Amino acid sequence: MGMEKFYRTVRKKFGVEKEQMKREVTEELREELGEEISYIEAELKQYEQLVAEVNHLLTVMRKERIQERSENGQIKMSEFDDDMEPLKSKLQELESSMKERLEEQKAYF
């Protein structure tokens, strides 16, 4: 069935004009896309915060490593694994959240 025939049928049965239907569909899409954009922006802010935390931690680690080297010799990176765990878990949560959202979007299409 062609689109014109579909619109004619809908207008006959429901009294809805083609332009009105287009406006309604456009508004609905804007609303849905607006929600998606808001979600993506929130996820990006979370990611940016995580990156800032990682950068801060790396800076602290560098300072401590330099200080430790000057005092005792060389420091091992394995000593910082405990400090990295919270950041790793946040990154994994963010990744899984984004994957779930992507899967939801694939289900719509």
N, C-alpha and C. Protein backbone atom coordinates (compact mmCIF):
# COMPACT_ATOMS: atom_id res chain seq x y z
N MET A 1 0.86 -1.18 0.00
CA MET A 1 0.00 0.00 0.00
C MET A 1 0.90 1.22 0.00
N GLY A 2 0.69 2.14 -0.94
CA GLY A 2 1.47 3.37 -1.01
C GLY A 2 1.13 4.30 0.14
N MET A 3 2.02 5.23 0.41
CA MET A 3 1.82 6.17 1.52
C MET A 3 0.59 7.05 1.30
N GLU A 4 0.39 7.50 0.07
CA GLU A 4 -0.78 8.35 -0.19
C GLU A 4 -2.08 7.59 0.08
N LYS A 5 -2.13 6.35 -0.36
CA LYS A 5 -3.32 5.53 -0.13
C LYS A 5 -3.51 5.32 1.36
N PHE A 6 -2.42 5.09 2.06
CA PHE A 6 -2.49 4.91 3.52
C PHE A 6 -3.06 6.17 4.18
N TYR A 7 -2.53 7.34 3.80
CA TYR A 7 -3.02 8.59 4.38
C TYR A 7 -4.49 8.82 4.05
N ARG A 8 -4.88 8.52 2.81
CA ARG A 8 -6.28 8.66 2.42
C ARG A 8 -7.18 7.78 3.28
N THR A 9 -6.75 6.54 3.47
CA THR A 9 -7.52 5.60 4.29
C THR A 9 -7.65 6.09 5.72
N VAL A 10 -6.54 6.55 6.27
CA VAL A 10 -6.56 7.06 7.66
C VAL A 10 -7.47 8.28 7.76
N ARG A 11 -7.36 9.19 6.79
CA ARG A 11 -8.21 10.40 6.83
C ARG A 11 -9.69 10.02 6.76
N LYS A 12 -10.01 9.06 5.91
CA LYS A 12 -11.41 8.64 5.78
C LYS A 12 -11.92 8.02 7.07
N LYS A 13 -11.10 7.14 7.65
CA LYS A 13 -11.57 6.41 8.83
C LYS A 13 -11.49 7.23 10.11
N PHE A 14 -10.45 8.04 10.24
CA PHE A 14 -10.25 8.73 11.51
C PHE A 14 -10.39 10.25 11.41
N GLY A 15 -10.50 10.76 10.22
CA GLY A 15 -10.63 12.20 10.06
C GLY A 15 -9.36 12.96 10.41
N VAL A 16 -8.22 12.32 10.25
CA VAL A 16 -6.94 12.93 10.60
C VAL A 16 -6.27 13.40 9.31
N GLU A 17 -5.82 14.62 9.29
CA GLU A 17 -5.15 15.17 8.12
C GLU A 17 -3.70 14.72 8.06
N LYS A 18 -3.19 14.63 6.86
CA LYS A 18 -1.82 14.18 6.61
C LYS A 18 -0.82 15.06 7.35
N GLU A 19 -0.99 16.37 7.25
CA GLU A 19 -0.05 17.30 7.90
C GLU A 19 -0.11 17.16 9.43
N GLN A 20 -1.30 16.95 9.95
CA GLN A 20 -1.45 16.77 11.39
C GLN A 20 -0.71 15.51 11.83
N MET A 21 -0.84 14.43 11.04
CA MET A 21 -0.14 13.20 11.36
C MET A 21 1.37 13.41 11.33
N LYS A 22 1.84 14.14 10.32
CA LYS A 22 3.27 14.41 10.22
C LYS A 22 3.75 15.20 11.44
N ARG A 23 2.98 16.21 11.84
CA ARG A 23 3.36 17.01 13.01
C ARG A 23 3.44 16.15 14.27
N GLU A 24 2.43 15.30 14.44
CA GLU A 24 2.42 14.43 15.62
C GLU A 24 3.60 13.49 15.64
N VAL A 25 3.91 12.89 14.49
CA VAL A 25 5.05 11.97 14.40
C VAL A 25 6.35 12.73 14.66
N THR A 26 6.46 13.92 14.08
CA THR A 26 7.66 14.73 14.27
C THR A 26 7.84 15.09 15.74
N GLU A 27 6.78 15.51 16.39
CA GLU A 27 6.85 15.86 17.81
C GLU A 27 7.25 14.65 18.65
N GLU A 28 6.67 13.51 18.34
CA GLU A 28 6.98 12.28 19.08
C GLU A 28 8.46 11.91 18.90
N LEU A 29 8.95 12.00 17.67
CA LEU A 29 10.36 11.69 17.42
C LEU A 29 11.28 12.67 18.15
N ARG A 30 10.93 13.94 18.13
CA ARG A 30 11.73 14.94 18.85
C ARG A 30 11.79 14.61 20.34
N GLU A 31 10.66 14.23 20.88
CA GLU A 31 10.61 13.89 22.31
C GLU A 31 11.50 12.69 22.61
N GLU A 32 11.37 11.63 21.80
CA GLU A 32 12.16 10.43 22.01
C GLU A 32 13.64 10.71 21.83
N LEU A 33 13.99 11.44 20.77
CA LEU A 33 15.39 11.76 20.53
C LEU A 33 15.92 12.69 21.61
N GLY A 34 15.08 13.57 22.10
CA GLY A 34 15.49 14.45 23.19
C GLY A 34 15.87 13.65 24.42
N GLU A 35 15.08 12.61 24.72
CA GLU A 35 15.40 11.74 25.85
C GLU A 35 16.73 11.03 25.62
N GLU A 36 16.94 10.57 24.39
CA GLU A 36 18.20 9.89 24.07
C GLU A 36 19.38 10.84 24.21
N ILE A 37 19.21 12.05 23.72
CA ILE A 37 20.28 13.04 23.82
C ILE A 37 20.57 13.36 25.28
N SER A 38 19.54 13.50 26.08
CA SER A 38 19.74 13.76 27.51
C SER A 38 20.49 12.61 28.17
N TYR A 39 20.12 11.39 27.81
CA TYR A 39 20.80 10.22 28.38
C TYR A 39 22.27 10.21 27.97
N ILE A 40 22.53 10.47 26.69
CA ILE A 40 23.91 10.46 26.21
C ILE A 40 24.72 11.55 26.88
N GLU A 41 24.13 12.73 27.04
CA GLU A 41 24.83 13.82 27.71
C GLU A 41 25.16 13.46 29.15
N ALA A 42 24.21 12.81 29.85
CA ALA A 42 24.46 12.40 31.23
C ALA A 42 25.58 11.36 31.29
N GLU A 43 25.57 10.41 30.34
CA GLU A 43 26.62 9.40 30.30
C GLU A 43 27.98 10.04 30.00
N LEU A 44 28.00 11.02 29.11
CA LEU A 44 29.25 11.71 28.79
C LEU A 44 29.79 12.47 29.99
N LYS A 45 28.89 13.10 30.75
CA LYS A 45 29.33 13.81 31.95
C LYS A 45 29.94 12.84 32.95
N GLN A 46 29.29 11.67 33.09
CA GLN A 46 29.81 10.65 33.99
C GLN A 46 31.19 10.19 33.51
N TYR A 47 31.32 10.00 32.22
CA TYR A 47 32.59 9.55 31.63
C TYR A 47 33.66 10.63 31.84
N GLU A 48 33.31 11.88 31.60
CA GLU A 48 34.26 12.98 31.79
C GLU A 48 34.72 13.05 33.24
N GLN A 49 33.79 12.82 34.17
CA GLN A 49 34.15 12.82 35.59
C GLN A 49 35.12 11.67 35.88
N LEU A 50 34.84 10.53 35.31
CA LEU A 50 35.71 9.38 35.50
C LEU A 50 37.10 9.65 34.94
N VAL A 51 37.15 10.25 33.75
CA VAL A 51 38.44 10.59 33.15
C VAL A 51 39.19 11.58 34.04
N ALA A 52 38.48 12.55 34.59
CA ALA A 52 39.12 13.52 35.48
C ALA A 52 39.68 12.82 36.72
N GLU A 53 38.92 11.87 37.27
CA GLU A 53 39.39 11.12 38.43
C GLU A 53 40.64 10.31 38.09
N VAL A 54 40.62 9.67 36.93
CA VAL A 54 41.77 8.88 36.50
C VAL A 54 42.98 9.78 36.32
N ASN A 55 42.79 10.93 35.67
CA ASN A 55 43.90 11.86 35.48
C ASN A 55 44.46 12.34 36.81
N HIS A 56 43.56 12.63 37.75
CA HIS A 56 44.01 13.06 39.07
C HIS A 56 44.80 11.95 39.76
N LEU A 57 44.28 10.74 39.69
CA LEU A 57 44.97 9.61 40.32
C LEU A 57 46.33 9.40 39.67
N LEU A 58 46.41 9.49 38.36
CA LEU A 58 47.69 9.32 37.68
C LEU A 58 48.69 10.40 38.10
N THR A 59 48.21 11.62 38.25
CA THR A 59 49.08 12.70 38.70
C THR A 59 49.60 12.43 40.10
N VAL A 60 48.70 12.00 40.97
CA VAL A 60 49.11 11.67 42.35
C VAL A 60 50.11 10.52 42.34
N MET A 61 49.83 9.50 41.50
CA MET A 61 50.73 8.35 41.42
C MET A 61 52.11 8.78 40.93
N ARG A 62 52.16 9.66 39.94
CA ARG A 62 53.45 10.13 39.43
C ARG A 62 54.23 10.86 40.52
N LYS A 63 53.52 11.73 41.23
CA LYS A 63 54.19 12.48 42.31
C LYS A 63 54.72 11.53 43.37
N GLU A 64 53.89 10.57 43.74
CA GLU A 64 54.31 9.62 44.78
C GLU A 64 55.46 8.76 44.28
N ARG A 65 55.40 8.36 43.02
CA ARG A 65 56.47 7.53 42.46
C ARG A 65 57.79 8.30 42.44
N ILE A 66 57.73 9.55 42.04
CA ILE A 66 58.94 10.37 42.02
C ILE A 66 59.48 10.54 43.45
N GLN A 67 58.57 10.79 44.36
CA GLN A 67 58.98 10.97 45.76
C GLN A 67 59.57 9.67 46.32
N GLU A 68 58.93 8.56 46.02
CA GLU A 68 59.38 7.26 46.51
C GLU A 68 60.75 6.91 45.92
N ARG A 69 60.93 7.18 44.65
CA ARG A 69 62.23 6.90 44.02
C ARG A 69 63.34 7.70 44.68
N SER A 70 63.03 8.93 45.01
CA SER A 70 64.06 9.76 45.61
C SER A 70 64.39 9.29 47.03
N GLU A 71 63.43 8.65 47.68
CA GLU A 71 63.67 8.20 49.05
C GLU A 71 64.23 6.78 49.12
N ASN A 72 63.59 5.82 48.44
CA ASN A 72 63.94 4.41 48.61
C ASN A 72 64.46 3.71 47.37
N GLY A 73 64.50 4.31 46.29
CA GLY A 73 64.84 3.58 45.07
C GLY A 73 63.62 3.56 44.16
N GLN A 74 63.29 2.41 43.56
CA GLN A 74 62.17 2.34 42.62
C GLN A 74 60.92 1.79 43.27
N ILE A 75 59.75 2.25 42.77
CA ILE A 75 58.45 1.80 43.27
C ILE A 75 57.80 0.91 42.21
N LYS A 76 57.00 -0.04 42.62
CA LYS A 76 56.33 -0.96 41.69
C LYS A 76 54.90 -0.51 41.47
N MET A 77 54.45 -0.62 40.23
CA MET A 77 53.07 -0.22 39.90
C MET A 77 52.05 -1.13 40.57
N SER A 78 52.41 -2.34 40.89
CA SER A 78 51.46 -3.26 41.53
C SER A 78 50.99 -2.74 42.87
N GLU A 79 51.74 -1.84 43.46
CA GLU A 79 51.34 -1.28 44.75
C GLU A 79 50.13 -0.36 44.60
N PHE A 80 49.80 0.06 43.38
CA PHE A 80 48.69 0.97 43.16
C PHE A 80 47.42 0.26 42.70
N ASP A 81 47.44 -1.05 42.61
CA ASP A 81 46.26 -1.79 42.13
C ASP A 81 45.03 -1.53 42.99
N ASP A 82 45.21 -1.43 44.30
CA ASP A 82 44.07 -1.17 45.18
C ASP A 82 43.45 0.20 44.89
N ASP A 83 44.28 1.17 44.57
CA ASP A 83 43.77 2.50 44.27
C ASP A 83 43.03 2.54 42.94
N MET A 84 43.38 1.65 42.04
CA MET A 84 42.77 1.64 40.71
C MET A 84 41.42 0.90 40.69
N GLU A 85 41.16 0.03 41.63
CA GLU A 85 39.94 -0.79 41.61
C GLU A 85 38.66 0.04 41.56
N PRO A 86 38.48 1.07 42.40
CA PRO A 86 37.23 1.85 42.31
C PRO A 86 37.03 2.47 40.92
N LEU A 87 38.10 2.94 40.33
CA LEU A 87 37.99 3.55 39.01
C LEU A 87 37.66 2.50 37.95
N LYS A 88 38.26 1.33 38.06
CA LYS A 88 37.96 0.26 37.11
C LYS A 88 36.49 -0.14 37.21
N SER A 89 35.97 -0.25 38.43
CA SER A 89 34.58 -0.67 38.58
C SER A 89 33.63 0.40 38.03
N LYS A 90 33.94 1.68 38.23
CA LYS A 90 33.11 2.74 37.68
C LYS A 90 33.11 2.69 36.16
N LEU A 91 34.27 2.47 35.59
CA LEU A 91 34.37 2.39 34.14
C LEU A 91 33.59 1.19 33.61
N GLN A 92 33.64 0.06 34.30
CA GLN A 92 32.89 -1.11 33.88
C GLN A 92 31.38 -0.87 33.98
N GLU A 93 30.94 -0.17 35.04
CA GLU A 93 29.52 0.15 35.19
C GLU A 93 29.05 1.04 34.04
N LEU A 94 29.86 2.04 33.73
CA LEU A 94 29.52 2.95 32.65
C LEU A 94 29.45 2.21 31.32
N GLU A 95 30.40 1.33 31.09
CA GLU A 95 30.43 0.56 29.85
C GLU A 95 29.20 -0.34 29.74
N SER A 96 28.85 -1.03 30.82
CA SER A 96 27.69 -1.92 30.76
C SER A 96 26.40 -1.13 30.57
N SER A 97 26.31 0.03 31.21
CA SER A 97 25.13 0.88 31.05
C SER A 97 24.97 1.32 29.60
N MET A 98 26.07 1.71 28.99
CA MET A 98 26.01 2.15 27.60
C MET A 98 25.69 0.98 26.67
N LYS A 99 26.20 -0.21 26.96
CA LYS A 99 25.89 -1.39 26.15
C LYS A 99 24.40 -1.73 26.24
N GLU A 100 23.83 -1.67 27.46
CA GLU A 100 22.41 -1.95 27.64
C GLU A 100 21.56 -0.98 26.84
N ARG A 101 21.93 0.29 26.90
CA ARG A 101 21.18 1.31 26.18
C ARG A 101 21.26 1.08 24.67
N LEU A 102 22.44 0.69 24.20
CA LEU A 102 22.62 0.41 22.77
C LEU A 102 21.76 -0.78 22.35
N GLU A 103 21.71 -1.82 23.19
CA GLU A 103 20.88 -2.98 22.89
C GLU A 103 19.40 -2.61 22.86
N GLU A 104 18.98 -1.72 23.77
CA GLU A 104 17.60 -1.27 23.77
C GLU A 104 17.27 -0.55 22.46
N GLN A 105 18.21 0.28 22.01
CA GLN A 105 17.99 1.01 20.76
C GLN A 105 17.91 0.07 19.57
N LYS A 106 18.76 -0.98 19.57
CA LYS A 106 18.72 -1.95 18.48
C LYS A 106 17.37 -2.66 18.45
N ALA A 107 16.76 -2.86 19.61
CA ALA A 107 15.48 -3.54 19.68
C ALA A 107 14.38 -2.70 19.03
N TYR A 108 14.51 -1.38 19.07
CA TYR A 108 13.51 -0.50 18.44
C TYR A 108 13.58 -0.57 16.93
N PHE A 109 14.77 -0.83 16.43
CA PHE A 109 14.94 -0.82 14.97
C PHE A 109 15.01 -2.22 14.51
